Protein backbone atom coordinates (compact mmCIF):
# COMPACT_ATOMS: atom_id res chain seq x y z
CA UNK A 1 -14.34 34.78 -10.72
CA UNK A 2 -13.60 31.03 -11.14
CA UNK A 3 -10.69 31.76 -13.23
CA UNK A 4 -9.25 34.48 -10.84
CA UNK A 5 -9.42 31.83 -8.13
CA UNK A 6 -7.77 29.07 -10.23
CA UNK A 7 -4.88 31.38 -11.13
CA UNK A 8 -4.29 32.40 -7.32
CA UNK A 9 -4.37 28.71 -6.58
CA UNK A 10 -1.71 27.97 -9.43
CA UNK A 11 0.27 30.58 -7.86
CA UNK A 12 0.14 29.11 -4.45
CA UNK A 13 1.18 25.67 -5.77
CA UNK A 14 4.00 27.38 -7.60
CA UNK A 15 5.14 28.94 -4.24
CA UNK A 16 4.88 25.56 -2.66
CA UNK A 17 6.92 23.62 -5.32
CA UNK A 18 9.76 26.51 -5.29
CA UNK A 19 10.03 26.31 -1.39
CA UNK A 20 9.97 22.45 -1.29
CA UNK A 21 13.53 21.92 -2.82
CA UNK A 22 15.23 23.21 0.70
CA UNK A 23 12.19 22.25 2.86
CA UNK A 24 13.07 19.92 5.83
CA UNK A 25 10.32 17.26 6.85
CA UNK A 26 9.30 19.05 9.87
CA UNK A 27 8.68 22.36 7.67
CA UNK A 28 5.85 20.32 5.41
CA UNK A 29 2.89 21.35 7.49
CA UNK A 30 3.90 24.84 8.27
CA UNK A 31 5.04 25.75 4.87
CA UNK A 32 1.69 24.41 3.30
CA UNK A 33 -0.42 26.11 5.96
CA UNK A 34 1.82 29.54 5.25
CA UNK A 35 1.09 29.33 1.49
CA UNK A 36 -2.70 28.63 1.61
CA UNK A 37 -3.15 31.58 4.05
CA UNK A 38 -2.60 33.78 1.04
CA UNK A 39 -6.05 32.43 -0.16
CA UNK A 40 -7.96 33.00 2.95
CA UNK A 41 -7.70 29.32 3.72
CA UNK A 42 -6.44 27.12 6.52
CA UNK A 43 -5.54 23.53 6.35
CA UNK A 44 -4.13 20.58 8.88
CA UNK A 45 -2.39 17.52 7.46
CA UNK A 46 -3.15 14.12 9.31
CA UNK A 47 -0.93 11.07 8.38
CA UNK A 48 -2.14 7.51 8.73
CA UNK A 49 -0.39 5.73 11.47
CA UNK A 50 1.75 2.35 10.37
CA UNK A 51 -1.26 0.21 11.30
CA UNK A 52 -3.64 2.32 9.27
CA UNK A 53 -5.96 2.70 12.34
CA UNK A 54 -5.40 6.60 13.44
CA UNK A 55 -5.05 9.68 11.60
CA UNK A 56 -2.47 11.90 13.43
CA UNK A 57 -2.04 15.55 12.71
CA UNK A 58 1.26 17.24 11.83
CA UNK A 59 2.00 19.99 14.14
CA UNK A 60 1.95 23.64 13.11
CA UNK A 61 3.85 26.25 15.50
CA UNK A 62 1.75 28.25 17.46
CA UNK A 63 -1.25 26.25 17.06
CA UNK A 64 -2.76 23.49 19.09
CA UNK A 65 -2.24 19.89 17.84
CA UNK A 66 -5.60 18.13 17.21
CA UNK A 67 -6.17 14.83 18.86
CA UNK A 68 -5.63 11.65 16.50
CA UNK A 69 -8.78 10.77 14.83
CA UNK A 70 -9.76 7.07 14.35
CA UNK A 71 -10.32 5.72 10.66
CA UNK A 72 -13.33 3.70 11.63
CA UNK A 73 -16.59 5.62 12.04
CA UNK A 74 -15.33 9.38 11.20
CA UNK A 75 -15.82 11.38 8.34
CA UNK A 76 -11.96 11.76 7.79
CA UNK A 77 -11.75 7.96 8.05
CA UNK A 78 -14.38 7.68 5.18
CA UNK A 79 -12.33 10.20 3.06
CA UNK A 80 -9.26 7.94 3.88
CA UNK A 81 -10.91 4.80 3.07
CA UNK A 82 -13.09 5.51 0.07
CA UNK A 83 -10.59 7.89 -1.33
CA UNK A 84 -12.83 10.57 -1.88
CA UNK A 85 -13.45 14.23 -0.66
CA UNK A 86 -16.09 14.49 2.25
CA UNK A 87 -17.74 17.86 2.92
CA UNK A 88 -18.33 18.24 6.92
CA UNK A 89 -22.21 18.39 7.25
CA UNK A 90 -21.81 20.12 10.61
CA UNK A 91 -19.09 22.45 9.61
CA UNK A 92 -19.75 24.63 6.65
CA UNK A 93 -16.55 25.50 4.53
CA UNK A 94 -14.58 22.45 6.10
CA UNK A 95 -13.68 19.85 3.69
CA UNK A 96 -11.71 16.41 4.13
CA UNK A 97 -9.69 15.28 0.98
CA UNK A 98 -7.33 12.38 0.88
CA UNK A 99 -3.42 12.89 0.98
CA UNK A 100 -2.45 10.77 -2.10
CA UNK A 101 1.12 10.69 -3.81
CA UNK A 102 0.31 8.93 -7.03
CA UNK A 103 -1.86 6.25 -5.46
CA UNK A 104 -0.22 5.91 -2.07
CA UNK A 105 -2.25 6.77 0.60
CA UNK A 106 -0.65 8.96 3.31
CA UNK A 107 -3.74 10.31 5.30
CA UNK A 108 -6.02 13.21 4.76
CA UNK A 109 -6.04 17.02 4.82
CA UNK A 110 -8.77 19.19 6.38
CA UNK A 111 -9.44 22.52 4.68
CA UNK A 112 -10.97 25.48 6.02
CA UNK A 113 -12.50 27.26 2.88
CA UNK A 114 -13.05 30.93 2.34
CA UNK A 115 -16.20 32.31 3.37
CA UNK A 116 -17.73 32.53 0.08
CA UNK A 117 -16.76 28.99 -0.86
CA UNK A 118 -18.87 25.78 -0.97
CA UNK A 119 -17.41 22.49 0.27
CA UNK A 120 -19.60 20.81 -2.17
CA UNK A 121 -18.88 22.67 -5.21
CA UNK A 122 -16.79 20.32 -7.63
CA UNK A 123 -14.42 23.20 -8.51
CA UNK A 124 -13.42 23.80 -4.91
CA UNK A 125 -12.91 19.75 -4.34
CA UNK A 126 -10.86 19.83 -7.54
CA UNK A 127 -8.55 22.73 -6.18
CA UNK A 128 -8.39 21.10 -2.90
CA UNK A 129 -7.46 17.78 -4.40
CA UNK A 130 -4.62 19.50 -6.28
CA UNK A 131 -3.19 21.11 -3.19
CA UNK A 132 -3.44 17.77 -1.05
CA UNK A 133 -1.72 15.79 -3.98
CA UNK A 134 1.25 18.34 -3.91
CA UNK A 135 1.20 18.12 -0.07
CA UNK A 136 1.10 14.54 0.00
CA UNK A 137 4.10 14.50 -2.76
CA UNK A 138 6.01 16.68 -0.38
CA UNK A 139 5.48 14.36 2.59
CA UNK A 140 6.70 11.34 0.41
CA UNK A 141 10.01 13.06 -0.80
CA UNK A 142 11.03 14.30 2.58
CA UNK A 143 10.17 10.89 4.49
CA UNK A 144 13.91 9.79 3.35
CA UNK A 145 15.57 13.06 4.83
CA UNK A 146 14.18 13.57 8.29
CA UNK A 147 12.56 11.61 11.12
CA UNK A 148 9.81 13.87 12.14
CA UNK A 149 7.19 12.16 9.59
CA UNK A 150 8.29 8.69 10.65
CA UNK A 151 7.71 9.23 14.32
CA UNK A 152 4.44 10.60 13.45
CA UNK A 153 3.28 7.51 11.83
CA UNK A 154 4.33 5.41 14.61
CA UNK A 155 2.54 4.97 18.02
CA UNK A 156 5.67 2.78 19.34
CA UNK A 157 9.21 1.96 18.38
CA UNK A 158 10.16 -0.40 15.52
CA UNK A 159 12.13 -3.48 16.07
CA UNK A 160 15.44 -3.53 14.29
CA UNK A 161 14.11 -6.23 12.03
CA UNK A 162 10.98 -4.12 11.11
CA UNK A 163 13.18 -1.11 10.39
CA UNK A 164 15.32 -2.87 8.09
CA UNK A 165 12.42 -4.56 6.11
CA UNK A 166 10.33 -1.25 5.66
CA UNK A 167 13.35 0.48 4.12
CA UNK A 168 13.47 -2.45 1.71
CA UNK A 169 9.98 -2.26 0.44
CA UNK A 170 8.37 -0.12 -2.18
CA UNK A 171 5.22 2.10 -1.40
CA UNK A 172 2.22 -0.23 -0.54
CA UNK A 173 0.04 0.87 -3.52
CA UNK A 174 1.25 1.62 -6.94
CA UNK A 175 -1.66 1.79 -9.64
CA UNK A 176 -1.34 2.18 -13.37
CA UNK A 177 -3.54 2.64 -16.42
CA UNK A 178 -4.34 -0.95 -16.47
CA UNK A 179 -4.04 -2.21 -13.09
CA UNK A 180 -4.25 -1.44 -9.24
CA UNK A 181 -1.52 -3.05 -7.29
CA UNK A 182 -1.38 -2.80 -3.57
CA UNK A 183 0.22 -4.70 -0.66
CA UNK A 184 -0.04 -4.97 3.05
CA UNK A 185 2.18 -6.11 6.00
CA UNK A 186 1.40 -7.05 9.65
CA UNK A 187 2.28 -6.71 12.57
CA UNK A 188 3.97 -3.25 11.20
CA UNK A 189 6.40 -2.80 14.03
CA UNK A 190 7.49 -6.21 14.37
CA UNK A 191 7.58 -7.73 10.90
CA UNK A 192 10.79 -9.59 10.27
CA UNK A 193 10.44 -12.54 7.79
CA UNK A 194 7.97 -11.28 5.14
CA UNK A 195 8.58 -8.94 2.34
CA UNK A 196 7.17 -7.94 -1.06
CA UNK A 197 8.44 -6.26 -4.24
CA UNK A 198 7.06 -5.25 -7.62
CA UNK A 199 7.94 -3.43 -10.92
CA UNK A 200 5.67 -2.17 -13.64
CA UNK A 201 7.34 -1.37 -17.07
CA UNK A 202 5.75 -1.57 -20.50
CA UNK A 203 3.40 -4.25 -20.81
CA UNK A 204 5.05 -6.39 -17.83
CA UNK A 205 4.27 -6.34 -14.26
CA UNK A 206 6.50 -8.27 -11.87
CA UNK A 207 5.22 -9.46 -8.63
CA UNK A 208 7.34 -11.04 -5.61
CA UNK A 209 6.00 -12.16 -2.26
CA UNK A 210 8.44 -13.81 0.15
CA UNK A 211 8.33 -15.35 3.62
CA UNK A 212 11.73 -16.14 5.35
CA UNK A 213 11.84 -19.12 8.04
CA UNK A 214 11.32 -17.90 11.70
CA UNK A 215 10.96 -14.27 12.83
CA UNK A 216 13.15 -11.50 13.99
CA UNK A 217 16.35 -9.96 12.72
CA UNK A 218 17.75 -13.34 11.18
CA UNK A 219 14.73 -13.86 9.33
CA UNK A 220 14.66 -10.00 8.10
CA UNK A 221 18.03 -10.53 6.85
CA UNK A 222 17.17 -13.61 4.81
CA UNK A 223 14.27 -12.21 3.47
CA UNK A 224 16.36 -9.23 2.48
CA UNK A 225 19.05 -11.35 0.62
CA UNK A 226 16.62 -13.21 -1.41
CA UNK A 227 14.51 -10.02 -2.07
CA UNK A 228 17.78 -7.98 -3.07
CA UNK A 229 18.78 -10.99 -5.28
CA UNK A 230 15.74 -11.28 -7.18
CA UNK A 231 15.50 -7.49 -7.66
CA UNK A 232 19.04 -7.06 -8.89
CA UNK A 233 18.56 -9.92 -11.35
CA UNK A 234 15.22 -8.33 -12.63
CA UNK A 235 16.76 -5.04 -13.20
CA UNK A 236 19.49 -6.43 -14.98
CA UNK A 237 17.16 -8.10 -17.54
CA UNK A 238 16.89 -11.56 -15.94
CA UNK A 239 13.57 -13.83 -16.35
CA UNK A 240 12.00 -15.74 -13.56
CA UNK A 241 14.23 -18.69 -13.58
CA UNK A 242 17.13 -16.55 -13.22
CA UNK A 243 15.65 -14.45 -10.44
CA UNK A 244 15.04 -17.62 -8.61
CA UNK A 245 18.24 -19.09 -9.26
CA UNK A 246 19.99 -15.93 -7.89
CA UNK A 247 17.92 -16.15 -4.85
CA UNK A 248 18.88 -19.79 -4.36
CA UNK A 249 22.67 -19.13 -4.63
CA UNK A 250 22.87 -15.96 -2.78
CA UNK A 251 20.78 -17.44 0.39
CA UNK A 252 23.02 -20.68 0.19
CA UNK A 253 26.19 -18.59 -0.01
CA UNK A 254 25.08 -16.40 3.04
CA UNK A 255 23.57 -19.06 5.25
CA UNK A 256 25.13 -22.41 4.35
CA UNK A 257 23.88 -25.68 2.55
CA UNK A 258 20.81 -27.83 3.46
CA UNK A 259 20.86 -28.73 7.42
CA UNK A 260 21.72 -25.45 8.47
CA UNK A 261 20.05 -23.13 5.80
CA UNK A 262 17.66 -20.37 6.44
CA UNK A 263 15.17 -20.86 3.54
CA UNK A 264 12.78 -18.44 2.32
CA UNK A 265 9.32 -19.36 0.83
CA UNK A 266 7.78 -17.08 -2.11
CA UNK A 267 5.98 -16.51 -5.12
CA UNK A 268 7.24 -14.78 -8.19
CA UNK A 269 5.39 -13.86 -10.90
CA UNK A 270 5.37 -12.06 -14.41
CA UNK A 271 1.99 -10.55 -15.67
CA UNK A 272 1.66 -9.72 -19.25
CA UNK A 273 -0.71 -6.51 -19.27
CA UNK A 274 -1.85 -7.01 -22.83
CA UNK A 275 -2.71 -10.47 -22.94
CA UNK A 276 -3.48 -11.23 -19.24
CA UNK A 277 -1.00 -14.25 -19.05
CA UNK A 278 0.68 -14.81 -15.50
CA UNK A 279 3.89 -16.80 -15.61
CA UNK A 280 4.83 -17.60 -12.09
CA UNK A 281 7.14 -19.87 -9.85
CA UNK A 282 5.71 -20.87 -6.39
CA UNK A 283 8.49 -21.66 -3.94
CA UNK A 284 6.65 -23.21 -1.07
CA UNK A 285 4.08 -20.39 -0.91
CA UNK A 286 0.38 -20.74 -0.15
CA UNK A 287 -1.46 -20.91 -3.61
CA UNK A 288 -2.58 -17.59 -4.83
CA UNK A 289 -6.34 -16.74 -5.28
CA UNK A 290 -8.08 -15.64 -8.47
CA UNK A 291 -11.36 -13.78 -8.14
CA UNK A 292 -13.42 -13.18 -11.10
CA UNK A 293 -16.88 -11.37 -10.91
CA UNK A 294 -16.79 -11.44 -7.14
CA UNK A 295 -16.42 -15.19 -7.25
CA UNK A 296 -13.58 -17.80 -6.61
CA UNK A 297 -12.12 -18.77 -10.08
CA UNK A 298 -9.51 -21.14 -8.73
CA UNK A 299 -6.25 -21.40 -7.14
CA UNK A 300 -3.50 -21.92 -9.65
CA UNK A 301 -1.31 -25.00 -8.36
CA UNK A 302 1.37 -25.04 -11.23
CA UNK A 303 5.14 -23.85 -10.93
CA UNK A 304 5.57 -25.36 -7.60
CA UNK A 305 9.19 -26.17 -6.04
CA UNK A 306 11.25 -26.35 -3.05
CA UNK A 307 11.52 -23.03 -0.88
CA UNK A 308 14.20 -20.61 -1.93
CA UNK A 309 17.88 -21.21 -0.34
CA UNK A 310 17.61 -25.02 0.34
CA UNK A 311 19.84 -25.74 -2.63
CA UNK A 312 21.52 -23.78 -5.39
CA UNK A 313 20.36 -26.37 -8.04
CA UNK A 314 16.55 -26.88 -7.43
CA UNK A 315 14.61 -28.15 -10.43
CA UNK A 316 12.36 -25.28 -11.31
CA UNK A 317 9.37 -25.05 -13.78
CA UNK A 318 7.16 -22.05 -14.44
CA UNK A 319 3.37 -22.21 -14.20
CA UNK A 320 1.02 -20.41 -16.22
CA UNK A 321 -2.48 -18.76 -15.44
CA UNK A 322 -4.63 -16.64 -18.06
CA UNK A 323 -6.52 -13.71 -16.39
CA UNK A 324 -9.58 -11.91 -17.87
CA UNK A 325 -9.86 -8.14 -17.47
CA UNK A 326 -11.40 -7.48 -14.13
CA UNK A 327 -10.09 -10.41 -12.46
CA UNK A 328 -8.05 -10.02 -9.08
CA UNK A 329 -5.07 -12.01 -7.87
CA UNK A 330 -4.45 -12.33 -4.14
CA UNK A 331 -1.09 -13.50 -3.01
CA UNK A 332 -0.58 -14.12 0.92
CA UNK A 333 1.84 -15.69 3.26
CA UNK A 334 0.95 -18.43 5.78
CA UNK A 335 0.43 -15.86 8.56
CA UNK A 336 -2.69 -14.90 7.03
CA UNK A 337 -4.65 -18.09 6.77
CA UNK A 338 -2.76 -19.86 9.69
CA UNK A 339 -3.57 -17.09 12.29
CA UNK A 340 -5.41 -18.60 15.06
CA UNK A 341 -8.15 -17.67 17.54
CA UNK A 342 -7.96 -18.16 21.29
CA UNK A 343 -9.88 -21.46 20.64
CA UNK A 344 -7.18 -22.49 18.16
CA UNK A 345 -9.29 -22.13 15.08
CA UNK A 346 -7.38 -21.02 12.03
CA UNK A 347 -8.44 -17.99 10.04
CA UNK A 348 -8.42 -20.02 7.03
CA UNK A 349 -8.28 -19.79 3.26
CA UNK A 350 -12.02 -20.04 2.99
CA UNK A 351 -12.87 -16.96 5.10
CA UNK A 352 -10.02 -15.11 3.34
CA UNK A 353 -11.67 -15.94 0.03
CA UNK A 354 -15.04 -14.86 1.45
CA UNK A 355 -14.09 -11.63 2.78
CA UNK A 356 -12.04 -10.85 -0.23
CA UNK A 357 -15.15 -11.37 -2.64
CA UNK A 358 -17.29 -9.38 -0.17
CA UNK A 359 -14.81 -6.35 -0.58
CA UNK A 360 -14.95 -6.88 -4.59
CA UNK A 361 -18.80 -6.54 -4.35
CA UNK A 362 -18.53 -3.43 -2.40
CA UNK A 363 -16.16 -2.06 -5.22
CA UNK A 364 -13.66 -0.95 -2.78
CA UNK A 365 -10.25 0.68 -3.76
CA UNK A 366 -7.76 -2.21 -3.83
CA UNK A 367 -5.75 -0.90 -0.73
CA UNK A 368 -8.94 -0.64 1.46
CA UNK A 369 -9.70 -4.30 0.59
CA UNK A 370 -6.28 -5.26 1.88
CA UNK A 371 -6.61 -3.11 4.99
CA UNK A 372 -9.98 -4.57 5.98
CA UNK A 373 -8.42 -8.25 5.20
CA UNK A 374 -5.66 -7.47 7.57
CA UNK A 375 -8.18 -5.94 10.05
CA UNK A 376 -10.09 -9.17 9.89
CA UNK A 377 -6.89 -11.25 10.53
CA UNK A 378 -5.81 -9.17 13.62
CA UNK A 379 -9.37 -9.33 14.89
CA UNK A 380 -9.72 -13.27 14.51
CA UNK A 381 -6.36 -13.69 16.28
CA UNK A 382 -7.08 -11.16 19.19
CA UNK A 383 -3.68 -11.54 20.84
CA UNK A 384 0.07 -11.10 19.40
CA UNK A 385 0.76 -12.63 16.38
CA UNK A 386 3.16 -15.87 16.05
CA UNK A 387 3.84 -15.17 12.54
CA UNK A 388 4.17 -12.29 9.97
CA UNK A 389 1.14 -11.89 7.55
CA UNK A 390 1.64 -10.32 3.98
CA UNK A 391 -0.58 -9.90 1.19
CA UNK A 392 -0.34 -8.46 -2.38
CA UNK A 393 -3.48 -7.74 -4.48
CA UNK A 394 -3.39 -7.16 -8.21
CA UNK A 395 -6.67 -6.21 -9.94
CA UNK A 396 -6.40 -6.13 -14.04
CA UNK A 397 -8.80 -3.22 -14.71
CA UNK A 398 -8.62 0.45 -15.49
CA UNK A 399 -11.70 0.91 -13.43
CA UNK A 400 -9.74 -0.55 -10.51
CA UNK A 401 -6.75 1.59 -11.14
CA UNK A 402 -9.14 4.77 -10.97
CA UNK A 403 -10.76 3.72 -7.79
CA UNK A 404 -7.53 4.37 -6.39
CA UNK A 405 -7.37 7.84 -7.30
CA UNK A 406 -9.40 10.74 -5.69
CA UNK A 407 -13.05 10.81 -6.70
CA UNK A 408 -16.02 11.40 -7.21
CA UNK A 409 -15.33 14.98 -7.47
CA UNK A 410 -18.99 15.77 -8.42
CA UNK A 411 -22.27 13.80 -8.06
CA UNK A 412 -22.10 12.21 -11.72
CA UNK A 413 -18.60 10.96 -11.10
CA UNK A 414 -19.61 7.98 -8.94
CA UNK A 415 -20.11 5.70 -11.66
CA UNK A 416 -16.76 6.07 -13.05
CA UNK A 417 -15.42 4.17 -9.71
CA UNK A 418 -17.46 1.14 -10.11
């Protein structure tokens, strides 16, 4: 019986794949639902909003659209946060499964299983995880060819600066066999000066975190110039020094020499995944934080130089930091630690480190760690931000990478995620 069900699932997945080539963004949910109906199942896809606070349902013609669901304090929110299937105890046959493309979280999927299916059965959880993975990939692939999915993820309009920056950036999360890598940006609808980039090839991971002077469109353009110069140089085979030099030269060319320049602070790193050696250049960025076994190991202070774009001939040296397997490296811009409460008190580096170590002790997936850190910054600040806040977290650990995948799929798999 199980093999017969598996075969029917494969046929449905083949149908979904075949129809995807000419599929529009607004057709993803209806096509997925139509395919699953052949299995006697129903499904509703919920996308996470830009701020990662609400899960918003994709509409299906002829069906009432469910209200948005909060991430905090809800069963689907738990599925999203912990990246694991969640059977609904109040609704037998209902199963929530994360929408995960690779390791990028897009939301959750609510399955209504056939009458004879058990939502606690690992086999059914595995089948639904395969369907949700394909559905998430369809969402990811159609984001660039239509606006429907973007509108659903937004609760208010983007500024022009924010639109520019989000189109420049890679996915928030990209894990690999040996590391988990994730980023977050706030305020989502009004970013304009911060940006990040990464690339993982062979035994090397490249990391970039940038913060342009000021806010708004002019800051976004400066950040885009620096990021593009670094990315283009890296893709041409350039090392850290060449990447920094390219950023300096292009910023000076676009915005002028010292005195009227628009500078960009930043941190660039080259991480050897075989040895754990991190080579880095810190161009006026806050010091990175290294965590080991849920304790603060230190803050690397080497590789310091002037911000990017002040001059085209800044003396630059490369710092080095040796990591051990399991270490976490947290990069952040000054908008994180300098976020101020109503009484003027800053969020501070000590509070950031304390919360990061707590999340590590809880063995949270890396993207959920950053989501909670960003929420803590926003709660401390209370009102509108005066600066962008961006973070990049890297954890050198196969177990950390596994925690960014869907699991556990059976009672015995939980240990693999710790």
